[in-house]
């Protein structure tokens, strides 16, 4: 799990992406209605959800930098997780509507203007491709940025598919190519959205973040020469970029050891990317530890 804190560096990318895609949505709706193209209207609906997602991710990135308060002691880091989850849900709902309308058009086909579809979709390839490029450098470090990148890259690919569908329509006059392309758009969006939904839901449920193996963390801690026993180990995501860890450690030497605390904190950061570590030292394993019953069975030894 990466821990980049340069959310502000993507502020311009969010602003440009929202502006370009909003303008493109208006163009798709106008030309979609003019040409009776479900493909353009479907893609406009998808792009609208992307703009809303970009706005939420943008707002969440800003909230992440706000300082903690007496009430929100971790600050607003978790808003990035909520934004990613809501964005994924919004996309899943939108593709359901697109699929329903596409099936209706297959049963009751309508004529569409293929040339209009080609030109508008070609603009979409440029707009979405450029927006995706702006988020490319941060796609591996933040679930929100990854979501923005994947959606824009998928949109560019979908728009390219629409161009192909328009060319086929002009050449063959086969009107069913429009709703069929819409269903293909649904499949592409679903494929890209499912991973975002799964990862954001896992983070919302305090699962171990992707890229961190709990067994490896446990093994590293247990192999420290100063550690006699380990229990109540938890690792979870504070946000889409930051991980936290808590652990109860039985020391071989019962004395307080600030150096060992620093060693554990630095080691977990360097080896696993865990930035926030809280350790409780114990001189012996207390069977009736109040948190013991809540720990995962695999955390016991």
C-alpha atoms as a PDB file:
ATOM      1  CA  UNK A   1       0.000   0.000   0.000  1.00  0.00           C
ATOM      2  CA  UNK A   2       1.532   3.295  -1.069  1.00  0.00           C
ATOM      3  CA  UNK A   3       1.468   6.314   1.142  1.00  0.00           C
ATOM      4  CA  UNK A   4       1.755   9.320  -1.072  1.00  0.00           C
ATOM      5  CA  UNK A   5       0.496  12.540   0.439  1.00  0.00           C
ATOM      6  CA  UNK A   6       0.538  14.672  -2.717  1.00  0.00           C
ATOM      7  CA  UNK A   7      -3.245  14.732  -3.114  1.00  0.00           C
ATOM      8  CA  UNK A   8      -3.042  18.475  -3.707  1.00  0.00           C
ATOM      9  CA  UNK A   9      -0.835  17.768  -6.722  1.00  0.00           C
ATOM     10  CA  UNK A  10      -3.855  16.208  -8.444  1.00  0.00           C
ATOM     11  CA  UNK A  11      -6.088  19.232  -7.816  1.00  0.00           C
ATOM     12  CA  UNK A  12      -5.411  20.582 -11.283  1.00  0.00           C
ATOM     13  CA  UNK A  13      -6.003  17.162 -12.835  1.00  0.00           C
ATOM     14  CA  UNK A  14      -9.375  16.919 -11.085  1.00  0.00           C
ATOM     15  CA  UNK A  15     -10.361  20.436 -12.177  1.00  0.00           C
ATOM     16  CA  UNK A  16      -9.388  19.888 -15.815  1.00  0.00           C
ATOM     17  CA  UNK A  17     -10.951  16.424 -15.873  1.00  0.00           C
ATOM     18  CA  UNK A  18     -14.263  17.666 -14.476  1.00  0.00           C
ATOM     19  CA  UNK A  19     -14.374  20.625 -16.900  1.00  0.00           C
ATOM     20  CA  UNK A  20     -13.526  18.591 -20.003  1.00  0.00           C
ATOM     21  CA  UNK A  21     -15.872  15.741 -19.189  1.00  0.00           C
ATOM     22  CA  UNK A  22     -18.753  18.071 -18.268  1.00  0.00           C
ATOM     23  CA  UNK A  23     -18.452  19.820 -21.628  1.00  0.00           C
ATOM     24  CA  UNK A  24     -18.267  16.460 -23.384  1.00  0.00           C
ATOM     25  CA  UNK A  25     -21.390  15.228 -21.566  1.00  0.00           C
ATOM     26  CA  UNK A  26     -23.365  18.183 -22.911  1.00  0.00           C
ATOM     27  CA  UNK A  27     -22.119  17.424 -26.426  1.00  0.00           C
ATOM     28  CA  UNK A  28     -23.021  13.724 -26.126  1.00  0.00           C
ATOM     29  CA  UNK A  29     -26.534  14.450 -24.879  1.00  0.00           C
ATOM     30  CA  UNK A  30     -27.209  17.011 -27.639  1.00  0.00           C
ATOM     31  CA  UNK A  31     -25.881  14.857 -30.450  1.00  0.00           C
ATOM     32  CA  UNK A  32     -27.270  11.673 -28.910  1.00  0.00           C
ATOM     33  CA  UNK A  33     -30.799  13.092 -28.942  1.00  0.00           C
ATOM     34  CA  UNK A  34     -30.263  14.508 -32.430  1.00  0.00           C
ATOM     35  CA  UNK A  35     -29.029  11.208 -33.817  1.00  0.00           C
ATOM     36  CA  UNK A  36     -31.292   8.929 -31.700  1.00  0.00           C
ATOM     37  CA  UNK A  37     -28.167   7.134 -30.502  1.00  0.00           C
ATOM     38  CA  UNK A  38     -28.480   5.120 -27.302  1.00  0.00           C
ATOM     39  CA  UNK A  39     -24.747   4.559 -27.450  1.00  0.00           C
ATOM     40  CA  UNK A  40     -24.019   8.268 -27.068  1.00  0.00           C
ATOM     41  CA  UNK A  41     -26.695   8.737 -24.398  1.00  0.00           C
ATOM     42  CA  UNK A  42     -25.433   5.686 -22.508  1.00  0.00           C
ATOM     43  CA  UNK A  43     -21.894   6.980 -22.620  1.00  0.00           C
ATOM     44  CA  UNK A  44     -23.111  10.406 -21.493  1.00  0.00           C
ATOM     45  CA  UNK A  45     -24.766   8.800 -18.472  1.00  0.00           C
ATOM     46  CA  UNK A  46     -21.574   6.946 -17.685  1.00  0.00           C
ATOM     47  CA  UNK A  47     -19.503  10.115 -18.063  1.00  0.00           C
ATOM     48  CA  UNK A  48     -21.908  11.926 -15.729  1.00  0.00           C
ATOM     49  CA  UNK A  49     -21.286   9.331 -13.049  1.00  0.00           C
ATOM     50  CA  UNK A  50     -17.551   9.721 -13.686  1.00  0.00           C
ATOM     51  CA  UNK A  51     -17.778  13.482 -13.186  1.00  0.00           C
ATOM     52  CA  UNK A  52     -19.667  12.964  -9.935  1.00  0.00           C
ATOM     53  CA  UNK A  53     -17.045  10.429  -8.931  1.00  0.00           C
ATOM     54  CA  UNK A  54     -14.240  12.852  -9.774  1.00  0.00           C
ATOM     55  CA  UNK A  55     -15.927  15.560  -7.703  1.00  0.00           C
ATOM     56  CA  UNK A  56     -16.306  13.235  -4.722  1.00  0.00           C
ATOM     57  CA  UNK A  57     -12.718  11.992  -5.016  1.00  0.00           C
ATOM     58  CA  UNK A  58     -11.521  15.585  -5.320  1.00  0.00           C
ATOM     59  CA  UNK A  59     -13.438  16.619  -2.205  1.00  0.00           C
ATOM     60  CA  UNK A  60     -12.219  13.566  -0.289  1.00  0.00           C
ATOM     61  CA  UNK A  61      -8.599  14.256  -1.271  1.00  0.00           C
ATOM     62  CA  UNK A  62      -8.992  17.735   0.169  1.00  0.00           C
ATOM     63  CA  UNK A  63     -10.614  16.489   3.366  1.00  0.00           C
ATOM     64  CA  UNK A  64      -7.786  13.991   3.888  1.00  0.00           C
ATOM     65  CA  UNK A  65      -5.413  16.863   4.542  1.00  0.00           C
ATOM     66  CA  UNK A  66      -7.590  18.441   7.239  1.00  0.00           C
ATOM     67  CA  UNK A  67      -6.207  18.200  10.737  1.00  0.00           C
ATOM     68  CA  UNK A  68      -7.685  15.925  13.386  1.00  0.00           C
ATOM     69  CA  UNK A  69     -10.064  17.378  15.943  1.00  0.00           C
ATOM     70  CA  UNK A  70     -11.362  16.454  19.367  1.00  0.00           C
ATOM     71  CA  UNK A  71     -14.272  14.637  17.716  1.00  0.00           C
ATOM     72  CA  UNK A  72     -12.559  13.307  14.585  1.00  0.00           C
ATOM     73  CA  UNK A  73      -9.327  12.114  16.159  1.00  0.00           C
ATOM     74  CA  UNK A  74      -8.065  10.544  12.921  1.00  0.00           C
ATOM     75  CA  UNK A  75      -9.132  13.544  10.864  1.00  0.00           C
ATOM     76  CA  UNK A  76     -11.123  12.919   7.685  1.00  0.00           C
ATOM     77  CA  UNK A  77      -8.917  10.301   6.067  1.00  0.00           C
ATOM     78  CA  UNK A  78     -11.759   7.788   5.758  1.00  0.00           C
ATOM     79  CA  UNK A  79     -13.688  10.126   3.419  1.00  0.00           C
ATOM     80  CA  UNK A  80     -11.465   8.879   0.588  1.00  0.00           C
ATOM     81  CA  UNK A  81     -12.722   5.336   1.228  1.00  0.00           C
ATOM     82  CA  UNK A  82     -16.349   6.481   1.316  1.00  0.00           C
ATOM     83  CA  UNK A  83     -15.891   8.446  -1.913  1.00  0.00           C
ATOM     84  CA  UNK A  84     -14.422   5.428  -3.695  1.00  0.00           C
ATOM     85  CA  UNK A  85     -17.203   3.159  -2.424  1.00  0.00           C
ATOM     86  CA  UNK A  86     -19.984   5.578  -3.389  1.00  0.00           C
ATOM     87  CA  UNK A  87     -18.392   6.070  -6.789  1.00  0.00           C
ATOM     88  CA  UNK A  88     -18.359   2.310  -7.403  1.00  0.00           C
ATOM     89  CA  UNK A  89     -22.003   1.944  -6.320  1.00  0.00           C
ATOM     90  CA  UNK A  90     -23.019   4.846  -8.555  1.00  0.00           C
ATOM     91  CA  UNK A  91     -21.360   3.184 -11.529  1.00  0.00           C
ATOM     92  CA  UNK A  92     -23.017  -0.179 -10.834  1.00  0.00           C
ATOM     93  CA  UNK A  93     -26.439   1.490 -10.747  1.00  0.00           C
ATOM     94  CA  UNK A  94     -25.776   3.403 -13.972  1.00  0.00           C
ATOM     95  CA  UNK A  95     -24.731   0.314 -15.937  1.00  0.00           C
ATOM     96  CA  UNK A  96     -27.918  -1.433 -14.834  1.00  0.00           C
ATOM     97  CA  UNK A  97     -29.950   1.364 -16.412  1.00  0.00           C
ATOM     98  CA  UNK A  98     -27.842   1.263 -19.565  1.00  0.00           C
ATOM     99  CA  UNK A  99     -28.273  -2.503 -19.916  1.00  0.00           C
ATOM    100  CA  UNK A 100     -32.040  -2.257 -19.437  1.00  0.00           C
ATOM    101  CA  UNK A 101     -32.397   0.365 -22.171  1.00  0.00           C
ATOM    102  CA  UNK A 102     -30.057  -1.525 -24.505  1.00  0.00           C
ATOM    103  CA  UNK A 103     -32.197  -4.660 -24.225  1.00  0.00           C
ATOM    104  CA  UNK A 104     -35.290  -2.566 -24.966  1.00  0.00           C
ATOM    105  CA  UNK A 105     -33.616  -1.200 -28.109  1.00  0.00           C
ATOM    106  CA  UNK A 106     -32.735  -4.713 -29.264  1.00  0.00           C
ATOM    107  CA  UNK A 107     -36.406  -5.658 -29.050  1.00  0.00           C
ATOM    108  CA  UNK A 108     -37.516  -2.361 -30.617  1.00  0.00           C
ATOM    109  CA  UNK A 109     -34.622  -1.119 -32.803  1.00  0.00           C
ATOM    110  CA  UNK A 110     -34.415   2.544 -33.822  1.00  0.00           C
ATOM    111  CA  UNK A 111     -32.479   4.246 -36.601  1.00  0.00           C
ATOM    112  CA  UNK A 112     -29.393   6.180 -35.564  1.00  0.00           C
ATOM    113  CA  UNK A 113     -27.025   8.620 -37.284  1.00  0.00           C
ATOM    114  CA  UNK A 114     -23.742   6.748 -37.621  1.00  0.00           C
ATOM    115  CA  UNK A 115     -21.600   9.710 -38.780  1.00  0.00           C
ATOM    116  CA  UNK A 116     -22.619  11.789 -35.759  1.00  0.00           C
ATOM    117  CA  UNK A 117     -21.714   8.922 -33.435  1.00  0.00           C
ATOM    118  CA  UNK A 118     -18.265   8.633 -34.998  1.00  0.00           C
ATOM    119  CA  UNK A 119     -17.331  12.301 -34.621  1.00  0.00           C
ATOM    120  CA  UNK A 120     -18.633  12.691 -31.070  1.00  0.00           C
ATOM    121  CA  UNK A 121     -17.019   9.440 -29.919  1.00  0.00           C
ATOM    122  CA  UNK A 122     -13.725  10.463 -31.528  1.00  0.00           C
ATOM    123  CA  UNK A 123     -13.762  13.597 -29.374  1.00  0.00           C
ATOM    124  CA  UNK A 124     -14.424  11.316 -26.403  1.00  0.00           C
ATOM    125  CA  UNK A 125     -11.279   9.312 -27.133  1.00  0.00           C
ATOM    126  CA  UNK A 126      -9.217  12.507 -26.913  1.00  0.00           C
ATOM    127  CA  UNK A 127     -10.989  13.942 -23.821  1.00  0.00           C
ATOM    128  CA  UNK A 128     -10.987  10.723 -21.802  1.00  0.00           C
ATOM    129  CA  UNK A 129      -7.519   9.690 -22.912  1.00  0.00           C
ATOM    130  CA  UNK A 130      -6.033  13.036 -21.859  1.00  0.00           C
ATOM    131  CA  UNK A 131      -7.842  12.926 -18.504  1.00  0.00           C
ATOM    132  CA  UNK A 132      -6.597   9.387 -17.854  1.00  0.00           C
ATOM    133  CA  UNK A 133      -3.044  10.484 -18.656  1.00  0.00           C
ATOM    134  CA  UNK A 134      -3.236  13.196 -15.964  1.00  0.00           C
ATOM    135  CA  UNK A 135      -4.041  10.575 -13.313  1.00  0.00           C
ATOM    136  CA  UNK A 136      -1.631   7.903 -14.595  1.00  0.00           C
ATOM    137  CA  UNK A 137       1.263   8.698 -12.256  1.00  0.00           C
ATOM    138  CA  UNK A 138      -0.858   8.281  -9.102  1.00  0.00           C
ATOM    139  CA  UNK A 139      -2.847   5.182 -10.049  1.00  0.00           C
ATOM    140  CA  UNK A 140      -0.728   2.815  -7.935  1.00  0.00           C
ATOM    141  CA  UNK A 141      -0.721   4.911  -4.775  1.00  0.00           C
ATOM    142  CA  UNK A 142      -4.343   5.862  -4.096  1.00  0.00           C
ATOM    143  CA  UNK A 143      -7.618   4.006  -4.645  1.00  0.00           C
ATOM    144  CA  UNK A 144      -9.362   7.266  -5.568  1.00  0.00           C
ATOM    145  CA  UNK A 145      -6.729   8.175  -8.141  1.00  0.00           C
ATOM    146  CA  UNK A 146      -6.758   4.602  -9.425  1.00  0.00           C
ATOM    147  CA  UNK A 147     -10.518   4.786  -9.816  1.00  0.00           C
ATOM    148  CA  UNK A 148     -10.271   8.049 -11.730  1.00  0.00           C
ATOM    149  CA  UNK A 149      -7.558   6.647 -13.995  1.00  0.00           C
ATOM    150  CA  UNK A 150      -9.367   3.367 -14.686  1.00  0.00           C
ATOM    151  CA  UNK A 151     -12.659   5.084 -15.460  1.00  0.00           C
ATOM    152  CA  UNK A 152     -11.104   7.597 -17.810  1.00  0.00           C
ATOM    153  CA  UNK A 153      -8.963   4.950 -19.530  1.00  0.00           C
ATOM    154  CA  UNK A 154     -11.993   2.673 -19.896  1.00  0.00           C
ATOM    155  CA  UNK A 155     -14.014   5.575 -21.277  1.00  0.00           C
ATOM    156  CA  UNK A 156     -11.341   6.230 -23.881  1.00  0.00           C
ATOM    157  CA  UNK A 157     -11.489   2.583 -24.895  1.00  0.00           C
ATOM    158  CA  UNK A 158     -15.276   2.596 -24.942  1.00  0.00           C
ATOM    159  CA  UNK A 159     -15.327   5.738 -27.094  1.00  0.00           C
ATOM    160  CA  UNK A 160     -12.972   4.011 -29.499  1.00  0.00           C
ATOM    161  CA  UNK A 161     -15.410   1.096 -29.608  1.00  0.00           C
ATOM    162  CA  UNK A 162     -18.234   3.507 -30.381  1.00  0.00           C
ATOM    163  CA  UNK A 163     -16.235   4.865 -33.317  1.00  0.00           C
ATOM    164  CA  UNK A 164     -15.928   1.329 -34.652  1.00  0.00           C
ATOM    165  CA  UNK A 165     -19.669   0.723 -34.134  1.00  0.00           C
ATOM    166  CA  UNK A 166     -20.463   3.917 -36.054  1.00  0.00           C
ATOM    167  CA  UNK A 167     -18.279   2.840 -38.959  1.00  0.00           C
ATOM    168  CA  UNK A 168     -20.002  -0.551 -39.047  1.00  0.00           C
ATOM    169  CA  UNK A 169     -23.398   1.151 -38.962  1.00  0.00           C
ATOM    170  CA  UNK A 170     -22.498   3.418 -41.889  1.00  0.00           C
ATOM    171  CA  UNK A 171     -21.191   0.515 -43.920  1.00  0.00           C
ATOM    172  CA  UNK A 172     -23.888  -2.073 -43.185  1.00  0.00           C
ATOM    173  CA  UNK A 173     -26.911  -0.110 -41.924  1.00  0.00           C
ATOM    174  CA  UNK A 174     -27.287  -2.666 -39.128  1.00  0.00           C
ATOM    175  CA  UNK A 175     -29.107  -0.673 -36.426  1.00  0.00           C
ATOM    176  CA  UNK A 176     -28.685  -3.392 -33.777  1.00  0.00           C
ATOM    177  CA  UNK A 177     -24.988  -2.527 -33.595  1.00  0.00           C
ATOM    178  CA  UNK A 178     -25.924   0.485 -31.422  1.00  0.00           C
ATOM    179  CA  UNK A 179     -27.619  -1.384 -28.509  1.00  0.00           C
ATOM    180  CA  UNK A 180     -25.119  -4.247 -28.835  1.00  0.00           C
ATOM    181  CA  UNK A 181     -22.286  -1.744 -28.419  1.00  0.00           C
ATOM    182  CA  UNK A 182     -24.127  -0.355 -25.389  1.00  0.00           C
ATOM    183  CA  UNK A 183     -24.122  -3.811 -23.810  1.00  0.00           C
ATOM    184  CA  UNK A 184     -20.408  -4.110 -24.522  1.00  0.00           C
ATOM    185  CA  UNK A 185     -19.952  -0.754 -22.766  1.00  0.00           C
ATOM    186  CA  UNK A 186     -21.768  -2.246 -19.773  1.00  0.00           C
ATOM    187  CA  UNK A 187     -19.387  -5.200 -19.687  1.00  0.00           C
ATOM    188  CA  UNK A 188     -16.320  -2.946 -19.880  1.00  0.00           C
ATOM    189  CA  UNK A 189     -17.586  -0.650 -17.132  1.00  0.00           C
ATOM    190  CA  UNK A 190     -18.580  -3.590 -14.933  1.00  0.00           C
ATOM    191  CA  UNK A 191     -15.167  -5.180 -15.326  1.00  0.00           C
ATOM    192  CA  UNK A 192     -13.389  -1.978 -14.300  1.00  0.00           C
ATOM    193  CA  UNK A 193     -15.819  -1.069 -11.541  1.00  0.00           C
ATOM    194  CA  UNK A 194     -15.949  -4.397  -9.739  1.00  0.00           C
ATOM    195  CA  UNK A 195     -12.368  -4.167  -8.524  1.00  0.00           C
ATOM    196  CA  UNK A 196     -12.952  -0.622  -7.288  1.00  0.00           C
ATOM    197  CA  UNK A 197     -16.118  -1.725  -5.463  1.00  0.00           C
ATOM    198  CA  UNK A 198     -14.403  -4.735  -3.901  1.00  0.00           C
ATOM    199  CA  UNK A 199     -11.338  -2.811  -2.727  1.00  0.00           C
ATOM    200  CA  UNK A 200     -13.276   0.174  -1.375  1.00  0.00           C
ATOM    201  CA  UNK A 201     -15.773  -2.090   0.410  1.00  0.00           C
ATOM    202  CA  UNK A 202     -12.910  -4.033   1.998  1.00  0.00           C
ATOM    203  CA  UNK A 203     -11.336  -0.807   3.239  1.00  0.00           C
ATOM    204  CA  UNK A 204     -14.695   0.381   4.588  1.00  0.00           C
ATOM    205  CA  UNK A 205     -14.919  -2.894   6.537  1.00  0.00           C
ATOM    206  CA  UNK A 206     -11.391  -2.418   7.939  1.00  0.00           C
ATOM    207  CA  UNK A 207      -9.938  -5.329   5.976  1.00  0.00           C
ATOM    208  CA  UNK A 208      -6.187  -5.657   5.600  1.00  0.00           C
ATOM    209  CA  UNK A 209      -5.270  -3.347   2.685  1.00  0.00           C
ATOM    210  CA  UNK A 210      -4.210  -4.776  -0.657  1.00  0.00           C
ATOM    211  CA  UNK A 211      -0.465  -5.292  -0.826  1.00  0.00           C
ATOM    212  CA  UNK A 212      -0.052  -6.129   2.874  1.00  0.00           C
ATOM    213  CA  UNK A 213       0.080  -9.748   4.032  1.00  0.00           C
ATOM    214  CA  UNK A 214      -0.985 -10.083   7.669  1.00  0.00           C
ATOM    215  CA  UNK A 215       0.962 -13.329   8.021  1.00  0.00           C
ATOM    216  CA  UNK A 216       4.137 -11.572   6.865  1.00  0.00           C
ATOM    217  CA  UNK A 217       3.595  -8.757   9.367  1.00  0.00           C
ATOM    218  CA  UNK A 218       3.035 -11.296  12.154  1.00  0.00           C
ATOM    219  CA  UNK A 219       6.107 -13.297  11.150  1.00  0.00           C
ATOM    220  CA  UNK A 220       8.309 -10.190  11.099  1.00  0.00           C
ATOM    221  CA  UNK A 221       7.160  -9.099  14.556  1.00  0.00           C
ATOM    222  CA  UNK A 222       7.450 -12.563  16.091  1.00  0.00           C
ATOM    223  CA  UNK A 223      10.991 -12.951  14.782  1.00  0.00           C
ATOM    224  CA  UNK A 224      12.249  -9.851  16.535  1.00  0.00           C
ATOM    225  CA  UNK A 225      14.686 -11.072  19.238  1.00  0.00           C
ATOM    226  CA  UNK A 226      13.066  -8.834  21.858  1.00  0.00           C
ATOM    227  CA  UNK A 227       9.578 -10.317  21.285  1.00  0.00           C
ATOM    228  CA  UNK A 228       8.439 -13.333  23.280  1.00  0.00           C
ATOM    229  CA  UNK A 229       4.838 -13.498  22.107  1.00  0.00           C
ATOM    230  CA  UNK A 230       2.396 -11.599  19.900  1.00  0.00           C
ATOM    231  CA  UNK A 231      -1.382 -11.326  20.017  1.00  0.00           C
ATOM    232  CA  UNK A 232      -4.204  -8.972  19.164  1.00  0.00           C
ATOM    233  CA  UNK A 233      -2.630  -7.982  15.817  1.00  0.00           C
ATOM    234  CA  UNK A 234      -4.768  -5.828  13.523  1.00  0.00           C
ATOM    235  CA  UNK A 235      -3.926  -4.041  10.267  1.00  0.00           C
ATOM    236  CA  UNK A 236      -6.434  -1.830   8.469  1.00  0.00           C
ATOM    237  CA  UNK A 237      -6.631   1.156   6.144  1.00  0.00           C
ATOM    238  CA  UNK A 238      -7.062   4.612   7.638  1.00  0.00           C
ATOM    239  CA  UNK A 239      -7.654   5.922   4.130  1.00  0.00           C
ATOM    240  CA  UNK A 240      -7.037   4.883   0.543  1.00  0.00           C
ATOM    241  CA  UNK A 241      -3.328   5.661   1.018  1.00  0.00           C
ATOM    242  CA  UNK A 242      -2.532   5.003   4.687  1.00  0.00           C
ATOM    243  CA  UNK A 243      -2.444   1.807   6.755  1.00  0.00           C
ATOM    244  CA  UNK A 244      -2.475   1.413  10.539  1.00  0.00           C
ATOM    245  CA  UNK A 245      -1.480  -1.417  12.872  1.00  0.00           C
ATOM    246  CA  UNK A 246      -2.125  -2.302  16.500  1.00  0.00           C
ATOM    247  CA  UNK A 247      -0.518  -5.167  18.407  1.00  0.00           C
ATOM    248  CA  UNK A 248      -0.034  -6.537  21.927  1.00  0.00           C
ATOM    249  CA  UNK A 249       3.531  -7.707  22.370  1.00  0.00           C
ATOM    250  CA  UNK A 250       4.945  -9.727  25.256  1.00  0.00           C
ATOM    251  CA  UNK A 251       8.566  -8.640  25.744  1.00  0.00           C
ATOM    252  CA  UNK A 252      11.375 -10.842  26.966  1.00  0.00           C
ATOM    253  CA  UNK A 253      12.639  -7.871  28.976  1.00  0.00           C
ATOM    254  CA  UNK A 254       9.777  -6.334  31.027  1.00  0.00           C
ATOM    255  CA  UNK A 255      11.338  -2.854  31.109  1.00  0.00           C
ATOM    256  CA  UNK A 256       9.927  -0.050  28.957  1.00  0.00           C
ATOM    257  CA  UNK A 257      11.873   0.148  25.712  1.00  0.00           C
ATOM    258  CA  UNK A 258      11.536   3.254  23.553  1.00  0.00           C
ATOM    259  CA  UNK A 259      14.191   1.959  21.175  1.00  0.00           C
ATOM    260  CA  UNK A 260      12.146  -1.178  20.465  1.00  0.00           C
ATOM    261  CA  UNK A 261       9.085   0.971  19.827  1.00  0.00           C
ATOM    262  CA  UNK A 262      11.006   2.953  17.227  1.00  0.00           C
ATOM    263  CA  UNK A 263      12.411  -0.252  15.737  1.00  0.00           C
ATOM    264  CA  UNK A 264       8.926  -1.745  15.342  1.00  0.00           C
ATOM    265  CA  UNK A 265       7.402   1.454  13.971  1.00  0.00           C
ATOM    266  CA  UNK A 266      10.207   2.038  11.469  1.00  0.00           C
ATOM    267  CA  UNK A 267      10.333  -1.619  10.456  1.00  0.00           C
ATOM    268  CA  UNK A 268       6.606  -1.869   9.770  1.00  0.00           C
ATOM    269  CA  UNK A 269       6.807   1.326   7.732  1.00  0.00           C
ATOM    270  CA  UNK A 270       9.847   0.279   5.716  1.00  0.00           C
ATOM    271  CA  UNK A 271       8.837  -3.347   5.088  1.00  0.00           C
ATOM    272  CA  UNK A 272       5.050  -3.066   4.787  1.00  0.00           C
ATOM    273  CA  UNK A 273       4.213   0.600   4.250  1.00  0.00           C
ATOM    274  CA  UNK A 274       2.330   0.857   7.562  1.00  0.00           C
ATOM    275  CA  UNK A 275       2.485   4.458   8.740  1.00  0.00           C
ATOM    276  CA  UNK A 276       0.507   4.417  11.972  1.00  0.00           C
ATOM    277  CA  UNK A 277       1.564   1.823  14.549  1.00  0.00           C
ATOM    278  CA  UNK A 278       0.294   1.426  18.108  1.00  0.00           C
ATOM    279  CA  UNK A 279       1.976  -1.184  20.308  1.00  0.00           C
ATOM    280  CA  UNK A 280       1.034  -2.310  23.797  1.00  0.00           C
ATOM    281  CA  UNK A 281       3.904  -3.964  25.642  1.00  0.00           C
ATOM    282  CA  UNK A 282       3.134  -6.681  28.195  1.00  0.00           C
ATOM    283  CA  UNK A 283       5.370  -8.564  30.595  1.00  0.00           C
ATOM    284  CA  UNK A 284       3.258 -11.704  30.208  1.00  0.00           C
ATOM    285  CA  UNK A 285       0.338 -12.922  28.126  1.00  0.00           C
ATOM    286  CA  UNK A 286      -2.877 -12.192  29.984  1.00  0.00           C
ATOM    287  CA  UNK A 287      -5.469 -14.821  28.938  1.00  0.00           C
ATOM    288  CA  UNK A 288      -8.375 -12.565  29.806  1.00  0.00           C
ATOM    289  CA  UNK A 289      -7.041  -9.627  27.792  1.00  0.00           C
ATOM    290  CA  UNK A 290     -10.176  -7.555  27.055  1.00  0.00           C
ATOM    291  CA  UNK A 291      -9.335  -7.396  23.358  1.00  0.00           C
ATOM    292  CA  UNK A 292      -8.323 -11.046  23.040  1.00  0.00           C
ATOM    293  CA  UNK A 293     -11.782 -12.306  22.101  1.00  0.00           C
ATOM    294  CA  UNK A 294     -11.947  -9.810  19.220  1.00  0.00           C
ATOM    295  CA  UNK A 295      -8.682 -10.826  17.613  1.00  0.00           C
ATOM    296  CA  UNK A 296      -8.695 -13.011  14.539  1.00  0.00           C
ATOM    297  CA  UNK A 297      -7.960 -16.673  15.307  1.00  0.00           C
ATOM    298  CA  UNK A 298      -4.902 -16.531  13.055  1.00  0.00           C
ATOM    299  CA  UNK A 299      -3.443 -13.808  15.265  1.00  0.00           C
ATOM    300  CA  UNK A 300      -3.062 -16.202  18.207  1.00  0.00           C
ATOM    301  CA  UNK A 301      -0.060 -18.296  18.753  1.00  0.00           C
END
